[in-house]
């Protein structure tokens, strides 16, 4: 997927994702330093299944601890 910086508005870059020109506001701080209007980007969204599973396990562990604590009360 490709996107171009259309313009800047305050602390945001207004980016257009092609081919449908979907407009998305991206905080400037997330972009490489020195970006300017007209700069193009390759955009890749990649699922992180490992992170998802790790966080799910942590939440499950916390829920079990809370259940145990409430049984003792």
Protein backbone atom coordinates (compact mmCIF):
# COMPACT_ATOMS: atom_id res chain seq x y z
CA UNK A 1 0.00 0.00 0.00
CA UNK A 2 1.25 3.49 -0.73
CA UNK A 3 0.50 6.85 0.87
CA UNK A 4 1.55 10.43 0.21
CA UNK A 5 1.70 13.43 2.51
CA UNK A 6 -0.92 15.77 1.08
CA UNK A 7 -0.41 18.56 3.61
CA UNK A 8 0.34 19.37 7.24
CA UNK A 9 -2.27 20.65 9.67
CA UNK A 10 -0.77 21.54 13.03
CA UNK A 11 0.88 18.47 14.54
CA UNK A 12 -0.63 16.15 11.92
CA UNK A 13 0.27 15.07 8.42
CA UNK A 14 -2.79 14.57 6.24
CA UNK A 15 -1.94 11.49 4.21
CA UNK A 16 -3.75 10.06 1.23
CA UNK A 17 -3.67 6.29 0.84
CA UNK A 18 -3.89 5.28 -2.81
CA UNK A 19 -5.52 4.17 -5.03
CA UNK A 20 -8.75 5.32 -3.33
CA UNK A 21 -7.26 8.47 -1.77
CA UNK A 22 -8.43 7.55 1.71
CA UNK A 23 -7.45 10.44 3.97
CA UNK A 24 -5.79 9.65 7.30
CA UNK A 25 -4.33 12.10 9.83
CA UNK A 26 -1.02 10.84 11.19
CA UNK A 27 0.79 12.55 14.10
CA UNK A 28 3.99 14.15 12.77
CA UNK A 29 6.00 12.55 15.56
CA UNK A 30 5.30 9.11 14.05
CA UNK A 31 6.86 10.05 10.70
CA UNK A 32 10.56 10.22 9.85
CA UNK A 33 12.18 13.56 10.58
CA UNK A 34 12.33 15.96 7.66
CA UNK A 35 9.24 14.71 5.84
CA UNK A 36 7.50 17.19 3.61
CA UNK A 37 4.41 17.51 1.46
CA UNK A 38 4.61 15.24 -1.56
CA UNK A 39 6.75 12.57 0.14
CA UNK A 40 5.59 9.00 -0.61
CA UNK A 41 5.63 6.02 1.75
CA UNK A 42 5.29 2.28 1.49
CA UNK A 43 2.84 1.32 4.23
CA UNK A 44 2.65 -2.19 5.66
CA UNK A 45 0.36 -3.34 8.45
CA UNK A 46 1.65 -6.59 9.90
CA UNK A 47 -0.18 -8.66 12.49
CA UNK A 48 1.88 -9.59 15.54
CA UNK A 49 0.28 -12.84 16.66
CA UNK A 50 2.98 -13.46 19.27
CA UNK A 51 2.32 -10.13 20.98
CA UNK A 52 -1.42 -10.77 20.89
CA UNK A 53 -1.04 -14.17 22.57
CA UNK A 54 1.40 -12.84 25.17
CA UNK A 55 -0.93 -10.02 26.19
CA UNK A 56 -3.92 -12.35 26.23
CA UNK A 57 -2.06 -14.71 28.58
CA UNK A 58 -1.08 -11.82 30.88
CA UNK A 59 -4.67 -10.61 31.09
CA UNK A 60 -5.90 -14.14 31.77
CA UNK A 61 -3.35 -14.51 34.57
CA UNK A 62 -4.45 -11.22 36.14
CA UNK A 63 -8.10 -12.26 35.92
CA UNK A 64 -7.33 -15.55 37.67
CA UNK A 65 -5.44 -13.70 40.43
CA UNK A 66 -8.40 -11.35 40.94
CA UNK A 67 -10.81 -14.29 41.14
CA UNK A 68 -8.60 -16.00 43.74
CA UNK A 69 -8.36 -12.77 45.75
CA UNK A 70 -12.14 -12.32 45.73
CA UNK A 71 -12.63 -15.93 46.94
CA UNK A 72 -10.41 -15.21 49.97
CA UNK A 73 -12.36 -12.07 50.92
